[in-house]
Amino acid sequence: MGKPMYNFGKNVNLKAKQQKQMDKDSKRRIAKQSKANIKSCTPNEDSATAE
């Protein structure tokens, strides 16, 4: 006997939910990195113009 297909839609929904969560995490990580880059670049530019 084979596996019943009644949970096929559930698996698709679960994979979509996981993919959405991974996308959110990657966007959050990218935003965090760009924010850190902006903070680290700003003092260097200020000190260069002050000299």
N, C-alpha and C. Protein backbone atom coordinates (compact mmCIF):
# COMPACT_ATOMS: atom_id res chain seq x y z
N MET A 1 0.84 -1.18 0.00
CA MET A 1 0.00 0.00 0.00
C MET A 1 0.89 1.25 0.00
N GLY A 2 0.46 2.24 -0.77
CA GLY A 2 1.21 3.47 -0.88
C GLY A 2 0.78 4.49 0.16
N LYS A 3 1.50 5.58 0.16
CA LYS A 3 1.16 6.65 1.10
C LYS A 3 -0.08 7.39 0.61
N PRO A 4 -0.94 7.78 1.51
CA PRO A 4 -2.11 8.56 1.11
C PRO A 4 -1.68 9.99 0.71
N MET A 5 -2.38 10.58 -0.23
CA MET A 5 -2.03 11.90 -0.74
C MET A 5 -2.82 13.02 -0.06
N TYR A 6 -3.52 12.71 1.00
CA TYR A 6 -4.37 13.72 1.63
C TYR A 6 -3.58 14.84 2.28
N ASN A 7 -2.30 14.65 2.57
CA ASN A 7 -1.51 15.70 3.21
C ASN A 7 -0.61 16.42 2.22
N PHE A 8 -0.86 16.25 0.92
CA PHE A 8 -0.02 16.89 -0.09
C PHE A 8 -0.10 18.41 0.03
N GLY A 9 -1.29 18.96 0.19
CA GLY A 9 -1.45 20.41 0.33
C GLY A 9 -0.78 20.93 1.57
N LYS A 10 -0.79 20.14 2.63
CA LYS A 10 -0.15 20.55 3.87
C LYS A 10 1.36 20.67 3.69
N ASN A 11 1.95 19.73 2.95
CA ASN A 11 3.39 19.79 2.70
C ASN A 11 3.76 21.01 1.88
N VAL A 12 2.94 21.34 0.89
CA VAL A 12 3.21 22.51 0.06
C VAL A 12 3.14 23.78 0.91
N ASN A 13 2.13 23.86 1.76
CA ASN A 13 1.99 25.03 2.63
C ASN A 13 3.16 25.13 3.60
N LEU A 14 3.60 24.01 4.12
CA LEU A 14 4.72 24.00 5.06
C LEU A 14 6.00 24.47 4.38
N LYS A 15 6.25 23.99 3.16
CA LYS A 15 7.44 24.42 2.43
C LYS A 15 7.38 25.91 2.10
N ALA A 16 6.20 26.40 1.74
CA ALA A 16 6.04 27.82 1.43
C ALA A 16 6.29 28.66 2.68
N LYS A 17 5.80 28.20 3.82
CA LYS A 17 6.01 28.92 5.07
C LYS A 17 7.49 28.96 5.44
N GLN A 18 8.18 27.84 5.26
CA GLN A 18 9.60 27.78 5.56
C GLN A 18 10.39 28.71 4.64
N GLN A 19 10.02 28.72 3.35
CA GLN A 19 10.71 29.58 2.38
C GLN A 19 10.51 31.04 2.73
N LYS A 20 9.30 31.40 3.11
CA LYS A 20 8.99 32.77 3.49
C LYS A 20 9.81 33.18 4.71
N GLN A 21 9.93 32.27 5.67
CA GLN A 21 10.71 32.54 6.87
C GLN A 21 12.19 32.73 6.54
N MET A 22 12.71 31.91 5.64
CA MET A 22 14.11 32.05 5.23
C MET A 22 14.34 33.37 4.50
N ASP A 23 13.38 33.78 3.67
CA ASP A 23 13.49 35.05 2.98
C ASP A 23 13.51 36.22 3.96
N LYS A 24 12.65 36.14 4.96
CA LYS A 24 12.62 37.18 5.99
C LYS A 24 13.96 37.26 6.72
N ASP A 25 14.50 36.10 7.08
CA ASP A 25 15.78 36.06 7.79
C ASP A 25 16.90 36.65 6.95
N SER A 26 16.92 36.33 5.66
CA SER A 26 17.98 36.86 4.80
C SER A 26 17.84 38.36 4.64
N LYS A 27 16.61 38.85 4.50
CA LYS A 27 16.40 40.30 4.39
C LYS A 27 16.84 40.99 5.67
N ARG A 28 16.53 40.38 6.81
CA ARG A 28 16.91 40.96 8.10
C ARG A 28 18.42 41.02 8.22
N ARG A 29 19.11 39.94 7.78
CA ARG A 29 20.56 39.90 7.85
C ARG A 29 21.19 40.95 6.94
N ILE A 30 20.65 41.10 5.74
CA ILE A 30 21.17 42.09 4.80
C ILE A 30 20.99 43.49 5.34
N ALA A 31 19.83 43.77 5.92
CA ALA A 31 19.57 45.09 6.49
C ALA A 31 20.52 45.37 7.64
N LYS A 32 20.77 44.36 8.45
CA LYS A 32 21.67 44.52 9.59
C LYS A 32 23.09 44.82 9.12
N GLN A 33 23.53 44.11 8.08
CA GLN A 33 24.88 44.33 7.55
C GLN A 33 25.01 45.71 6.93
N SER A 34 24.01 46.13 6.18
CA SER A 34 24.09 47.45 5.54
C SER A 34 24.06 48.55 6.60
N LYS A 35 23.29 48.33 7.65
CA LYS A 35 23.24 49.30 8.75
C LYS A 35 24.61 49.39 9.42
N ALA A 36 25.26 48.25 9.61
CA ALA A 36 26.59 48.23 10.23
C ALA A 36 27.61 48.90 9.30
N ASN A 37 27.48 48.69 8.01
CA ASN A 37 28.39 49.32 7.05
C ASN A 37 28.23 50.83 7.06
N ILE A 38 27.00 51.30 7.17
CA ILE A 38 26.75 52.74 7.20
C ILE A 38 27.37 53.34 8.46
N LYS A 39 27.20 52.67 9.59
CA LYS A 39 27.76 53.17 10.85
C LYS A 39 29.29 53.18 10.80
N SER A 40 29.88 52.15 10.21
CA SER A 40 31.34 52.08 10.20
C SER A 40 31.94 53.05 9.18
N CYS A 41 31.23 53.38 8.12
CA CYS A 41 31.74 54.28 7.11
C CYS A 41 31.62 55.74 7.52
N THR A 42 30.59 56.09 8.24
CA THR A 42 30.35 57.50 8.58
C THR A 42 31.47 58.13 9.40
N PRO A 43 31.98 57.53 10.47
CA PRO A 43 33.06 58.18 11.22
C PRO A 43 34.34 58.35 10.40
N ASN A 44 34.62 57.42 9.52
CA ASN A 44 35.83 57.52 8.69
C ASN A 44 35.76 58.73 7.78
N GLU A 45 34.59 58.99 7.20
CA GLU A 45 34.44 60.14 6.31
C GLU A 45 34.56 61.44 7.10
N ASP A 46 33.99 61.48 8.30
CA ASP A 46 34.05 62.67 9.13
C ASP A 46 35.50 62.99 9.54
N SER A 47 36.24 61.95 9.90
CA SER A 47 37.61 62.19 10.33
C SER A 47 38.48 62.62 9.16
N ALA A 48 38.17 62.15 7.96
CA ALA A 48 38.95 62.51 6.79
C ALA A 48 38.72 63.99 6.44
N THR A 49 37.52 64.48 6.59
CA THR A 49 37.22 65.88 6.27
C THR A 49 37.73 66.81 7.38
N ALA A 50 37.87 66.32 8.58
CA ALA A 50 38.31 67.15 9.70
C ALA A 50 39.82 67.41 9.62
N GLU A 51 40.55 66.55 8.96
CA GLU A 51 42.01 66.69 8.90
C GLU A 51 42.46 67.72 7.91
